[in-house]
Amino acid sequence: MQVRWRQSVLGMALLAVLVLSGCADSPERSWQLADRGLYAGAISPDGQLAAIGSVLHGGSLWNIPSFARLYNWNLDTNIDGEPFSLFSTVAFSGDGQRVVTVQGRLLVLWSTRSGQAIFFYEAPDHIRSAALDQQGLNLLLGLEDGTAAMFDMVSGQIIARLRGHAGPVHAVTLSADARRAVTGSDDGSALFWHLPEGRATHRIVHDSQVRTIALSQSGVYAFSVAQRGEGRVWNTNTGQVVRRLPMQRDSISVARFVNNDAMLLTGDRLRKVLLWQLTDSSIQRRWRLEGEGLYTRTSASVVDVRWVQGRVLALGSDGKLALLQ
């Protein structure tokens, strides 16, 4: 059944609060999780945990309500001989109980409950992106060679190799039931995959590299955007573009559908977080993460955003986690 964009009672109440403004609001609060920035990071879907790959101290898992470090996650020494891993990708399962970390070709699946490593694997090529399903039983990897690989995390076997891109796959997203996926590539395209058949059913072509994508919770809509290009929301059943979002001035680094797919939350590489109303492609709220110190100019990307009970959590590559009211 196709989802229709309608303003629910909650959505209408929210819109009454989120007044369109040309000015960007500052965070209500922020916390420093890493002193000199992050290579990668992710916030759990319920907003209770944050997993990071920091510049100086490698991987760790944090409890957000208490802002306590729960576990340190590191492998062998890195290329500089330091005992910290350089994680390029971090992703949570939908239930928040598992996290995948990526370093080069090596991936590790971790338990957020015990802090223990569950699964190790070396991929056939350099890993550019990763996504887990709801329970962390299936893993989708985007690879340097232009393919995507689907893993069964119980057997540790590749169950599908997805071929359709002509460039590195820098963005992947997976539905909760692991039956649908979207991939974005340097070849300028985003593909929608029907995973039981292992085939791409729709291709959305952009003007340049596609490194940011999102799949709605219903699975009916997907979002893709090129570097400093127009953002597009499209129907995964038909492949038709249903909304065009003016993002040419921004370089979008992360996007998530929120509020029952009625809105899109985006973060960019200049510390901005925007909330888009998809009924009319308007911006309903703007925030700008605070920056200070030596690493502000070089570490300014928003690496993850989450919508939690009407509030927004945003994680910056400068190592700060911000609460946006």
C-alpha atoms as a PDB file:
ATOM      1  CA  MET A   1       0.000   0.000   0.000  1.00  0.00           C
ATOM      2  CA  GLN A   2       1.431   3.335  -1.012  1.00  0.00           C
ATOM      3  CA  VAL A   3       2.119   5.824   1.721  1.00  0.00           C
ATOM      4  CA  ARG A   4       0.544   9.218   1.199  1.00  0.00           C
ATOM      5  CA  TRP A   5       2.029  12.361   2.656  1.00  0.00           C
ATOM      6  CA  ARG A   6      -0.600  13.703   5.007  1.00  0.00           C
ATOM      7  CA  GLN A   7      -0.303  15.924   8.036  1.00  0.00           C
ATOM      8  CA  SER A   8      -1.253  13.883  11.092  1.00  0.00           C
ATOM      9  CA  VAL A   9      -2.277  15.538  14.361  1.00  0.00           C
ATOM     10  CA  LEU A  10       1.296  15.095  15.532  1.00  0.00           C
ATOM     11  CA  GLY A  11       2.641  16.468  12.275  1.00  0.00           C
ATOM     12  CA  MET A  12       0.367  19.520  12.433  1.00  0.00           C
ATOM     13  CA  ALA A  13       1.391  20.207  16.012  1.00  0.00           C
ATOM     14  CA  LEU A  14       5.010  19.880  15.018  1.00  0.00           C
ATOM     15  CA  LEU A  15       4.621  22.288  12.142  1.00  0.00           C
ATOM     16  CA  ALA A  16       3.135  24.846  14.499  1.00  0.00           C
ATOM     17  CA  VAL A  17       6.398  24.752  16.439  1.00  0.00           C
ATOM     18  CA  LEU A  18       8.827  24.477  13.542  1.00  0.00           C
ATOM     19  CA  VAL A  19       8.493  27.936  12.053  1.00  0.00           C
ATOM     20  CA  LEU A  20      10.337  28.529   8.816  1.00  0.00           C
ATOM     21  CA  SER A  21      13.248  30.838   9.394  1.00  0.00           C
ATOM     22  CA  GLY A  22      16.167  32.040   7.328  1.00  0.00           C
ATOM     23  CA  CYS A  23      18.397  31.924  10.430  1.00  0.00           C
ATOM     24  CA  ALA A  24      19.943  28.746  11.751  1.00  0.00           C
ATOM     25  CA  ASP A  25      19.405  27.865  15.404  1.00  0.00           C
ATOM     26  CA  SER A  26      22.239  26.741  17.670  1.00  0.00           C
ATOM     27  CA  PRO A  27      22.166  23.428  19.575  1.00  0.00           C
ATOM     28  CA  GLU A  28      20.401  23.386  22.919  1.00  0.00           C
ATOM     29  CA  ARG A  29      23.237  21.293  24.373  1.00  0.00           C
ATOM     30  CA  SER A  30      26.356  19.556  23.107  1.00  0.00           C
ATOM     31  CA  TRP A  31      28.818  17.011  24.430  1.00  0.00           C
ATOM     32  CA  GLN A  32      32.369  16.218  23.331  1.00  0.00           C
ATOM     33  CA  LEU A  33      32.846  12.518  22.566  1.00  0.00           C
ATOM     34  CA  ALA A  34      36.228  12.844  20.844  1.00  0.00           C
ATOM     35  CA  ASP A  35      38.772  15.630  21.280  1.00  0.00           C
ATOM     36  CA  ARG A  36      40.200  15.743  17.779  1.00  0.00           C
ATOM     37  CA  GLY A  37      37.376  14.547  15.635  1.00  0.00           C
ATOM     38  CA  LEU A  38      35.930  11.436  14.057  1.00  0.00           C
ATOM     39  CA  TYR A  39      36.588   9.352  10.984  1.00  0.00           C
ATOM     40  CA  ALA A  40      33.119   7.803  11.356  1.00  0.00           C
ATOM     41  CA  GLY A  41      30.196   7.714  13.758  1.00  0.00           C
ATOM     42  CA  ALA A  42      26.569   6.681  14.154  1.00  0.00           C
ATOM     43  CA  ILE A  43      23.665   7.213  16.558  1.00  0.00           C
ATOM     44  CA  SER A  44      21.397   4.279  17.412  1.00  0.00           C
ATOM     45  CA  PRO A  45      17.813   4.483  16.093  1.00  0.00           C
ATOM     46  CA  ASP A  46      16.405   5.027  19.602  1.00  0.00           C
ATOM     47  CA  GLY A  47      18.940   7.740  20.393  1.00  0.00           C
ATOM     48  CA  GLN A  48      20.352   5.867  23.383  1.00  0.00           C
ATOM     49  CA  LEU A  49      23.801   4.968  22.016  1.00  0.00           C
ATOM     50  CA  ALA A  50      26.543   6.451  19.863  1.00  0.00           C
ATOM     51  CA  ALA A  51      29.308   4.432  18.193  1.00  0.00           C
ATOM     52  CA  ILE A  52      32.340   6.365  16.990  1.00  0.00           C
ATOM     53  CA  GLY A  53      35.651   5.878  15.266  1.00  0.00           C
ATOM     54  CA  SER A  54      37.761   8.717  16.617  1.00  0.00           C
ATOM     55  CA  VAL A  55      41.003  10.157  15.263  1.00  0.00           C
ATOM     56  CA  LEU A  56      43.045   9.639  18.430  1.00  0.00           C
ATOM     57  CA  HIS A  57      41.421   6.771  20.330  1.00  0.00           C
ATOM     58  CA  GLY A  58      39.824   4.495  17.753  1.00  0.00           C
ATOM     59  CA  GLY A  59      36.435   2.909  18.273  1.00  0.00           C
ATOM     60  CA  SER A  60      34.125   3.209  21.264  1.00  0.00           C
ATOM     61  CA  LEU A  61      30.474   2.868  22.271  1.00  0.00           C
ATOM     62  CA  TRP A  62      28.779   5.559  24.359  1.00  0.00           C
ATOM     63  CA  ASN A  63      25.599   5.711  26.383  1.00  0.00           C
ATOM     64  CA  ILE A  64      23.959   9.000  25.406  1.00  0.00           C
ATOM     65  CA  PRO A  65      21.699   9.623  28.430  1.00  0.00           C
ATOM     66  CA  SER A  66      24.661   9.359  30.829  1.00  0.00           C
ATOM     67  CA  PHE A  67      27.403  10.241  28.310  1.00  0.00           C
ATOM     68  CA  ALA A  68      29.504   7.397  29.632  1.00  0.00           C
ATOM     69  CA  ARG A  69      31.900   5.372  27.496  1.00  0.00           C
ATOM     70  CA  LEU A  70      30.676   1.773  27.654  1.00  0.00           C
ATOM     71  CA  TYR A  71      33.278  -0.078  25.570  1.00  0.00           C
ATOM     72  CA  ASN A  72      36.480   0.508  23.649  1.00  0.00           C
ATOM     73  CA  TRP A  73      36.467  -1.230  20.265  1.00  0.00           C
ATOM     74  CA  ASN A  74      39.863  -1.615  18.639  1.00  0.00           C
ATOM     75  CA  LEU A  75      41.619  -4.264  16.602  1.00  0.00           C
ATOM     76  CA  ASP A  76      45.327  -4.610  15.931  1.00  0.00           C
ATOM     77  CA  THR A  77      47.658  -1.655  15.512  1.00  0.00           C
ATOM     78  CA  ASN A  78      46.905   0.694  12.651  1.00  0.00           C
ATOM     79  CA  ILE A  79      49.183   1.670   9.775  1.00  0.00           C
ATOM     80  CA  ASP A  80      51.001   4.181  12.004  1.00  0.00           C
ATOM     81  CA  GLY A  81      51.718   1.555  14.640  1.00  0.00           C
ATOM     82  CA  GLU A  82      49.248   2.965  17.170  1.00  0.00           C
ATOM     83  CA  PRO A  83      46.965   0.570  19.096  1.00  0.00           C
ATOM     84  CA  PHE A  84      43.818   2.196  17.732  1.00  0.00           C
ATOM     85  CA  SER A  85      41.664   1.236  14.772  1.00  0.00           C
ATOM     86  CA  LEU A  86      40.899   3.737  12.008  1.00  0.00           C
ATOM     87  CA  PHE A  87      37.234   2.976  11.346  1.00  0.00           C
ATOM     88  CA  SER A  88      35.951   4.530   8.121  1.00  0.00           C
ATOM     89  CA  THR A  89      32.349   3.323   8.520  1.00  0.00           C
ATOM     90  CA  VAL A  90      30.140   2.619  11.541  1.00  0.00           C
ATOM     91  CA  ALA A  91      26.485   1.468  11.386  1.00  0.00           C
ATOM     92  CA  PHE A  92      23.835   0.215  13.835  1.00  0.00           C
ATOM     93  CA  SER A  93      21.275  -2.517  13.336  1.00  0.00           C
ATOM     94  CA  GLY A  94      17.668  -1.348  13.458  1.00  0.00           C
ATOM     95  CA  ASP A  95      17.178  -2.664  16.996  1.00  0.00           C
ATOM     96  CA  GLY A  96      20.408  -1.023  18.190  1.00  0.00           C
ATOM     97  CA  GLN A  97      21.843  -4.288  19.524  1.00  0.00           C
ATOM     98  CA  ARG A  98      24.602  -4.688  16.944  1.00  0.00           C
ATOM     99  CA  VAL A  99      27.150  -2.402  15.316  1.00  0.00           C
ATOM    100  CA  VAL A 100      29.338  -3.019  12.287  1.00  0.00           C
ATOM    101  CA  THR A 101      32.690  -1.262  11.989  1.00  0.00           C
ATOM    102  CA  VAL A 102      34.843  -1.096   8.854  1.00  0.00           C
ATOM    103  CA  GLN A 103      38.571  -0.637   8.481  1.00  0.00           C
ATOM    104  CA  GLY A 104      39.812  -1.085   4.917  1.00  0.00           C
ATOM    105  CA  ARG A 105      38.649  -4.559   3.882  1.00  0.00           C
ATOM    106  CA  LEU A 106      38.060  -5.763   7.426  1.00  0.00           C
ATOM    107  CA  LEU A 107      34.644  -5.653   9.051  1.00  0.00           C
ATOM    108  CA  VAL A 108      33.690  -6.546  12.603  1.00  0.00           C
ATOM    109  CA  LEU A 109      30.206  -7.066  14.047  1.00  0.00           C
ATOM    110  CA  TRP A 110      29.935  -6.055  17.710  1.00  0.00           C
ATOM    111  CA  SER A 111      27.300  -6.614  20.407  1.00  0.00           C
ATOM    112  CA  THR A 112      26.170  -3.407  22.105  1.00  0.00           C
ATOM    113  CA  ARG A 113      25.021  -5.441  25.117  1.00  0.00           C
ATOM    114  CA  SER A 114      28.226  -7.322  25.887  1.00  0.00           C
ATOM    115  CA  GLY A 115      30.705  -5.200  23.959  1.00  0.00           C
ATOM    116  CA  GLN A 116      32.150  -8.376  22.438  1.00  0.00           C
ATOM    117  CA  ALA A 117      33.035  -8.964  18.795  1.00  0.00           C
ATOM    118  CA  ILE A 118      30.586 -11.413  17.196  1.00  0.00           C
ATOM    119  CA  PHE A 119      31.954 -11.779  13.677  1.00  0.00           C
ATOM    120  CA  PHE A 120      35.086 -10.918  11.708  1.00  0.00           C
ATOM    121  CA  TYR A 121      35.379 -10.884   7.938  1.00  0.00           C
ATOM    122  CA  GLU A 122      37.751  -9.649   5.266  1.00  0.00           C
ATOM    123  CA  ALA A 123      35.848  -8.450   2.186  1.00  0.00           C
ATOM    124  CA  PRO A 124      36.980  -9.135  -1.396  1.00  0.00           C
ATOM    125  CA  ASP A 125      37.651  -5.435  -1.974  1.00  0.00           C
ATOM    126  CA  HIS A 126      37.940  -2.160  -0.077  1.00  0.00           C
ATOM    127  CA  ILE A 127      34.686  -1.445   1.794  1.00  0.00           C
ATOM    128  CA  ARG A 128      33.179   1.986   1.122  1.00  0.00           C
ATOM    129  CA  SER A 129      29.844   1.679   2.961  1.00  0.00           C
ATOM    130  CA  ALA A 130      27.845  -0.718   5.145  1.00  0.00           C
ATOM    131  CA  ALA A 131      24.289  -1.202   6.434  1.00  0.00           C
ATOM    132  CA  LEU A 132      22.596  -3.728   8.740  1.00  0.00           C
ATOM    133  CA  ASP A 133      18.987  -4.907   8.805  1.00  0.00           C
ATOM    134  CA  GLN A 134      16.686  -4.727  11.843  1.00  0.00           C
ATOM    135  CA  GLN A 135      18.324  -7.485  13.914  1.00  0.00           C
ATOM    136  CA  GLY A 136      21.804  -7.308  12.453  1.00  0.00           C
ATOM    137  CA  LEU A 137      21.430 -10.709  10.801  1.00  0.00           C
ATOM    138  CA  ASN A 138      22.051  -9.378   7.299  1.00  0.00           C
ATOM    139  CA  LEU A 139      24.746  -6.968   6.190  1.00  0.00           C
ATOM    140  CA  LEU A 140      25.043  -5.029   2.940  1.00  0.00           C
ATOM    141  CA  LEU A 141      28.446  -3.726   1.865  1.00  0.00           C
ATOM    142  CA  GLY A 142      29.280  -1.204  -0.847  1.00  0.00           C
ATOM    143  CA  LEU A 143      32.652  -2.019  -2.416  1.00  0.00           C
ATOM    144  CA  GLU A 144      35.377  -0.177  -4.306  1.00  0.00           C
ATOM    145  CA  ASP A 145      34.951  -2.406  -7.378  1.00  0.00           C
ATOM    146  CA  GLY A 146      31.409  -1.099  -8.041  1.00  0.00           C
ATOM    147  CA  THR A 147      29.539  -4.064  -6.569  1.00  0.00           C
ATOM    148  CA  ALA A 148      27.550  -4.536  -3.388  1.00  0.00           C
ATOM    149  CA  ALA A 149      27.744  -7.716  -1.317  1.00  0.00           C
ATOM    150  CA  MET A 150      24.970  -9.120   0.878  1.00  0.00           C
ATOM    151  CA  PHE A 151      26.073 -11.228   3.860  1.00  0.00           C
ATOM    152  CA  ASP A 152      24.224 -13.683   6.048  1.00  0.00           C
ATOM    153  CA  MET A 153      25.797 -12.900   9.431  1.00  0.00           C
ATOM    154  CA  VAL A 154      24.767 -16.271  10.896  1.00  0.00           C
ATOM    155  CA  SER A 155      26.553 -18.401   8.311  1.00  0.00           C
ATOM    156  CA  GLY A 156      29.161 -15.767   7.424  1.00  0.00           C
ATOM    157  CA  GLN A 157      28.500 -16.370   3.741  1.00  0.00           C
ATOM    158  CA  ILE A 158      27.909 -13.994   0.848  1.00  0.00           C
ATOM    159  CA  ILE A 159      24.331 -14.655  -0.268  1.00  0.00           C
ATOM    160  CA  ALA A 160      24.183 -12.119  -3.100  1.00  0.00           C
ATOM    161  CA  ARG A 161      26.610 -10.058  -5.166  1.00  0.00           C
ATOM    162  CA  LEU A 162      24.871  -7.046  -6.673  1.00  0.00           C
ATOM    163  CA  ARG A 163      26.314  -5.785  -9.956  1.00  0.00           C
ATOM    164  CA  GLY A 164      24.938  -2.678 -11.620  1.00  0.00           C
ATOM    165  CA  HIS A 165      27.256   0.243 -10.883  1.00  0.00           C
ATOM    166  CA  ALA A 166      30.295   1.368 -12.859  1.00  0.00           C
ATOM    167  CA  GLY A 167      32.059   3.061  -9.936  1.00  0.00           C
ATOM    168  CA  PRO A 168      32.744   2.621  -6.212  1.00  0.00           C
ATOM    169  CA  VAL A 169      29.600   2.164  -4.106  1.00  0.00           C
ATOM    170  CA  HIS A 170      29.920   4.849  -1.439  1.00  0.00           C
ATOM    171  CA  ALA A 171      26.399   4.606  -0.010  1.00  0.00           C
ATOM    172  CA  VAL A 172      24.139   1.676   0.882  1.00  0.00           C
ATOM    173  CA  THR A 173      20.951   1.348   2.888  1.00  0.00           C
ATOM    174  CA  LEU A 174      18.956  -1.752   3.754  1.00  0.00           C
ATOM    175  CA  SER A 175      15.309  -2.241   4.730  1.00  0.00           C
ATOM    176  CA  ALA A 176      14.460  -3.697   8.136  1.00  0.00           C
ATOM    177  CA  ASP A 177      13.434  -7.024   6.580  1.00  0.00           C
ATOM    178  CA  ALA A 178      16.502  -7.146   4.286  1.00  0.00           C
ATOM    179  CA  ARG A 179      14.326  -7.462   1.172  1.00  0.00           C
ATOM    180  CA  ARG A 180      14.999  -4.005  -0.306  1.00  0.00           C
ATOM    181  CA  ALA A 181      18.079  -1.876  -0.663  1.00  0.00           C
ATOM    182  CA  VAL A 182      19.307   1.342  -2.247  1.00  0.00           C
ATOM    183  CA  THR A 183      22.884   1.911  -3.380  1.00  0.00           C
ATOM    184  CA  GLY A 184      24.647   5.075  -4.526  1.00  0.00           C
ATOM    185  CA  SER A 185      27.807   5.214  -6.604  1.00  0.00           C
ATOM    186  CA  ASP A 186      30.489   7.447  -8.040  1.00  0.00           C
ATOM    187  CA  ASP A 187      28.997   6.610 -11.456  1.00  0.00           C
ATOM    188  CA  GLY A 188      26.267   9.166 -10.679  1.00  0.00           C
ATOM    189  CA  SER A 189      23.420   6.735 -10.134  1.00  0.00           C
ATOM    190  CA  ALA A 190      21.271   5.380  -7.332  1.00  0.00           C
ATOM    191  CA  LEU A 191      19.824   1.876  -7.713  1.00  0.00           C
ATOM    192  CA  PHE A 192      16.852   0.260  -5.985  1.00  0.00           C
ATOM    193  CA  TRP A 193      17.280  -3.472  -5.440  1.00  0.00           C
ATOM    194  CA  HIS A 194      14.742  -6.226  -4.920  1.00  0.00           C
ATOM    195  CA  LEU A 195      17.035  -8.489  -2.894  1.00  0.00           C
ATOM    196  CA  PRO A 196      15.158 -11.826  -3.040  1.00  0.00           C
ATOM    197  CA  GLU A 197      15.738 -11.750  -6.808  1.00  0.00           C
ATOM    198  CA  GLY A 198      19.094  -9.991  -6.591  1.00  0.00           C
ATOM    199  CA  ARG A 199      18.173  -7.474  -9.271  1.00  0.00           C
ATOM    200  CA  ALA A 200      17.945  -3.710  -9.606  1.00  0.00           C
ATOM    201  CA  THR A 201      14.460  -2.574 -10.583  1.00  0.00           C
ATOM    202  CA  HIS A 202      15.022   1.202 -10.820  1.00  0.00           C
ATOM    203  CA  ARG A 203      17.915   3.541 -11.591  1.00  0.00           C
ATOM    204  CA  ILE A 204      17.940   7.255 -10.753  1.00  0.00           C
ATOM    205  CA  VAL A 205      20.619   9.175 -12.663  1.00  0.00           C
ATOM    206  CA  HIS A 206      22.270  12.275 -11.172  1.00  0.00           C
ATOM    207  CA  ASP A 207      24.823  14.717 -12.581  1.00  0.00           C
ATOM    208  CA  SER A 208      27.720  13.612 -10.360  1.00  0.00           C
ATOM    209  CA  GLN A 209      28.746  11.216  -7.590  1.00  0.00           C
ATOM    210  CA  VAL A 210      25.955   9.884  -5.367  1.00  0.00           C
ATOM    211  CA  ARG A 211      27.266   9.481  -1.839  1.00  0.00           C
ATOM    212  CA  THR A 212      24.149  10.138   0.246  1.00  0.00           C
ATOM    213  CA  ILE A 213      20.967   8.067   0.111  1.00  0.00           C
ATOM    214  CA  ALA A 214      18.078   7.105   2.410  1.00  0.00           C
ATOM    215  CA  LEU A 215      15.228   4.594   2.404  1.00  0.00           C
ATOM    216  CA  SER A 216      11.972   5.415   4.168  1.00  0.00           C
ATOM    217  CA  GLN A 217      10.740   3.192   6.976  1.00  0.00           C
ATOM    218  CA  SER A 218       7.791   2.102   4.857  1.00  0.00           C
ATOM    219  CA  GLY A 219      10.132   1.273   2.000  1.00  0.00           C
ATOM    220  CA  VAL A 220       7.922   3.182  -0.430  1.00  0.00           C
ATOM    221  CA  TYR A 221      10.231   6.176  -0.822  1.00  0.00           C
ATOM    222  CA  ALA A 222      13.947   6.635  -1.329  1.00  0.00           C
ATOM    223  CA  PHE A 223      16.146   9.709  -1.358  1.00  0.00           C
ATOM    224  CA  SER A 224      19.336  10.306  -3.328  1.00  0.00           C
ATOM    225  CA  VAL A 225      21.475  13.365  -3.957  1.00  0.00           C
ATOM    226  CA  ALA A 226      24.633  14.087  -5.922  1.00  0.00           C
ATOM    227  CA  GLN A 227      27.506  16.162  -4.622  1.00  0.00           C
ATOM    228  CA  ARG A 228      26.155  19.740  -4.614  1.00  0.00           C
ATOM    229  CA  GLY A 229      23.225  18.600  -6.717  1.00  0.00           C
ATOM    230  CA  GLU A 230      19.461  18.490  -6.584  1.00  0.00           C
ATOM    231  CA  GLY A 231      17.993  16.121  -3.994  1.00  0.00           C
ATOM    232  CA  ARG A 232      15.371  13.701  -5.265  1.00  0.00           C
ATOM    233  CA  VAL A 233      12.703  11.737  -3.436  1.00  0.00           C
ATOM    234  CA  TRP A 234      11.418   8.877  -5.544  1.00  0.00           C
ATOM    235  CA  ASN A 235       8.854   6.100  -5.367  1.00  0.00           C
ATOM    236  CA  THR A 236      10.550   2.705  -5.092  1.00  0.00           C
ATOM    237  CA  ASN A 237       7.560   0.935  -6.655  1.00  0.00           C
ATOM    238  CA  THR A 238       7.530   2.999  -9.835  1.00  0.00           C
ATOM    239  CA  GLY A 239      10.955   4.642  -9.988  1.00  0.00           C
ATOM    240  CA  GLN A 240       9.296   8.028 -10.481  1.00  0.00           C
ATOM    241  CA  VAL A 241      10.734  11.153  -8.860  1.00  0.00           C
ATOM    242  CA  VAL A 242       7.975  12.639  -6.670  1.00  0.00           C
ATOM    243  CA  ARG A 243       9.841  15.507  -4.992  1.00  0.00           C
ATOM    244  CA  ARG A 244      12.850  17.627  -5.952  1.00  0.00           C
ATOM    245  CA  LEU A 245      14.727  19.385  -3.157  1.00  0.00           C
ATOM    246  CA  PRO A 246      16.926  22.431  -3.921  1.00  0.00           C
ATOM    247  CA  MET A 247      20.259  21.380  -2.412  1.00  0.00           C
ATOM    248  CA  GLN A 248      22.685  22.691  -5.019  1.00  0.00           C
ATOM    249  CA  ARG A 249      24.437  24.983  -2.542  1.00  0.00           C
ATOM    250  CA  ASP A 250      24.976  22.225  -0.007  1.00  0.00           C
ATOM    251  CA  SER A 251      27.007  19.045   0.102  1.00  0.00           C
ATOM    252  CA  ILE A 252      24.710  16.626   1.904  1.00  0.00           C
ATOM    253  CA  SER A 253      26.503  14.088   4.088  1.00  0.00           C
ATOM    254  CA  VAL A 254      23.571  12.258   5.744  1.00  0.00           C
ATOM    255  CA  ALA A 255      19.792  11.988   5.316  1.00  0.00           C
ATOM    256  CA  ARG A 256      16.954  10.198   7.123  1.00  0.00           C
ATOM    257  CA  PHE A 257      13.190  10.063   6.603  1.00  0.00           C
ATOM    258  CA  VAL A 258      11.308  11.037   9.784  1.00  0.00           C
ATOM    259  CA  ASN A 259       7.811  11.699  11.130  1.00  0.00           C
ATOM    260  CA  ASN A 260       6.159   8.776   9.292  1.00  0.00           C
ATOM    261  CA  ASP A 261       8.019   9.592   6.060  1.00  0.00           C
ATOM    262  CA  ALA A 262       6.439  13.064   5.919  1.00  0.00           C
ATOM    263  CA  MET A 263       9.769  14.791   6.480  1.00  0.00           C
ATOM    264  CA  LEU A 264      13.432  14.432   5.624  1.00  0.00           C
ATOM    265  CA  LEU A 265      16.246  15.290   8.009  1.00  0.00           C
ATOM    266  CA  THR A 266      19.588  16.159   6.383  1.00  0.00           C
ATOM    267  CA  GLY A 267      23.076  17.122   7.525  1.00  0.00           C
ATOM    268  CA  ASP A 268      25.803  18.620   5.357  1.00  0.00           C
ATOM    269  CA  ARG A 269      29.557  19.181   5.302  1.00  0.00           C
ATOM    270  CA  LEU A 270      29.252  22.732   6.660  1.00  0.00           C
ATOM    271  CA  ARG A 271      27.691  21.746  10.011  1.00  0.00           C
ATOM    272  CA  LYS A 272      24.109  22.511   8.927  1.00  0.00           C
ATOM    273  CA  VAL A 273      21.104  20.341   9.791  1.00  0.00           C
ATOM    274  CA  LEU A 274      17.849  20.925   7.900  1.00  0.00           C
ATOM    275  CA  LEU A 275      14.341  19.561   8.352  1.00  0.00           C
ATOM    276  CA  TRP A 276      12.409  19.334   5.054  1.00  0.00           C
ATOM    277  CA  GLN A 277       8.627  19.114   4.732  1.00  0.00           C
ATOM    278  CA  LEU A 278       8.035  16.728   1.835  1.00  0.00           C
ATOM    279  CA  THR A 279       4.484  17.839   1.068  1.00  0.00           C
ATOM    280  CA  ASP A 280       5.857  21.034  -0.498  1.00  0.00           C
ATOM    281  CA  SER A 281       9.684  20.621  -0.461  1.00  0.00           C
ATOM    282  CA  SER A 282      10.032  23.460   2.055  1.00  0.00           C
ATOM    283  CA  ILE A 283      12.587  23.810   4.839  1.00  0.00           C
ATOM    284  CA  GLN A 284      10.791  23.778   8.182  1.00  0.00           C
ATOM    285  CA  ARG A 285      13.779  24.176  10.492  1.00  0.00           C
ATOM    286  CA  ARG A 286      17.485  25.030  10.279  1.00  0.00           C
ATOM    287  CA  TRP A 287      20.255  24.392  12.781  1.00  0.00           C
ATOM    288  CA  ARG A 288      24.001  24.916  12.694  1.00  0.00           C
ATOM    289  CA  LEU A 289      26.329  22.906  14.874  1.00  0.00           C
ATOM    290  CA  GLU A 290      28.754  24.953  16.907  1.00  0.00           C
ATOM    291  CA  GLY A 291      32.398  24.896  15.877  1.00  0.00           C
ATOM    292  CA  GLU A 292      35.462  26.024  17.737  1.00  0.00           C
ATOM    293  CA  GLY A 293      39.169  25.371  18.036  1.00  0.00           C
ATOM    294  CA  LEU A 294      41.870  24.158  15.705  1.00  0.00           C
ATOM    295  CA  TYR A 295      39.826  21.431  13.995  1.00  0.00           C
ATOM    296  CA  THR A 296      36.657  23.400  13.250  1.00  0.00           C
ATOM    297  CA  ARG A 297      37.437  24.186   9.620  1.00  0.00           C
ATOM    298  CA  THR A 298      38.695  20.736   8.691  1.00  0.00           C
ATOM    299  CA  SER A 299      36.196  18.680  10.691  1.00  0.00           C
ATOM    300  CA  ALA A 300      32.842  20.253   9.983  1.00  0.00           C
ATOM    301  CA  SER A 301      30.668  17.494   8.542  1.00  0.00           C
ATOM    302  CA  VAL A 302      27.494  16.150  10.101  1.00  0.00           C
ATOM    303  CA  VAL A 303      28.125  12.397  10.186  1.00  0.00           C
ATOM    304  CA  ASP A 304      24.749  11.270  11.553  1.00  0.00           C
ATOM    305  CA  VAL A 305      21.324  12.589  12.577  1.00  0.00           C
ATOM    306  CA  ARG A 306      18.431  10.981  14.436  1.00  0.00           C
ATOM    307  CA  TRP A 307      14.889  12.101  15.171  1.00  0.00           C
ATOM    308  CA  VAL A 308      13.991  11.075  18.729  1.00  0.00           C
ATOM    309  CA  GLN A 309      10.607  12.028  20.174  1.00  0.00           C
ATOM    310  CA  GLY A 310      10.413  15.330  18.310  1.00  0.00           C
ATOM    311  CA  ARG A 311      14.013  16.283  18.994  1.00  0.00           C
ATOM    312  CA  VAL A 312      17.083  15.893  16.832  1.00  0.00           C
ATOM    313  CA  LEU A 313      20.442  14.413  17.762  1.00  0.00           C
ATOM    314  CA  ALA A 314      23.324  15.300  15.458  1.00  0.00           C
ATOM    315  CA  LEU A 315      26.853  13.934  15.520  1.00  0.00           C
ATOM    316  CA  GLY A 316      29.613  16.036  13.983  1.00  0.00           C
ATOM    317  CA  SER A 317      32.967  14.977  12.615  1.00  0.00           C
ATOM    318  CA  ASP A 318      34.545  17.347  15.154  1.00  0.00           C
ATOM    319  CA  GLY A 319      33.564  14.798  17.807  1.00  0.00           C
ATOM    320  CA  LYS A 320      30.583  16.706  19.243  1.00  0.00           C
ATOM    321  CA  LEU A 321      27.127  15.273  19.803  1.00  0.00           C
ATOM    322  CA  ALA A 322      24.431  17.968  19.780  1.00  0.00           C
ATOM    323  CA  LEU A 323      20.845  18.080  20.949  1.00  0.00           C
ATOM    324  CA  LEU A 324      18.762  20.269  18.633  1.00  0.00           C
ATOM    325  CA  GLN A 325      15.503  21.554  20.096  1.00  0.00           C
END
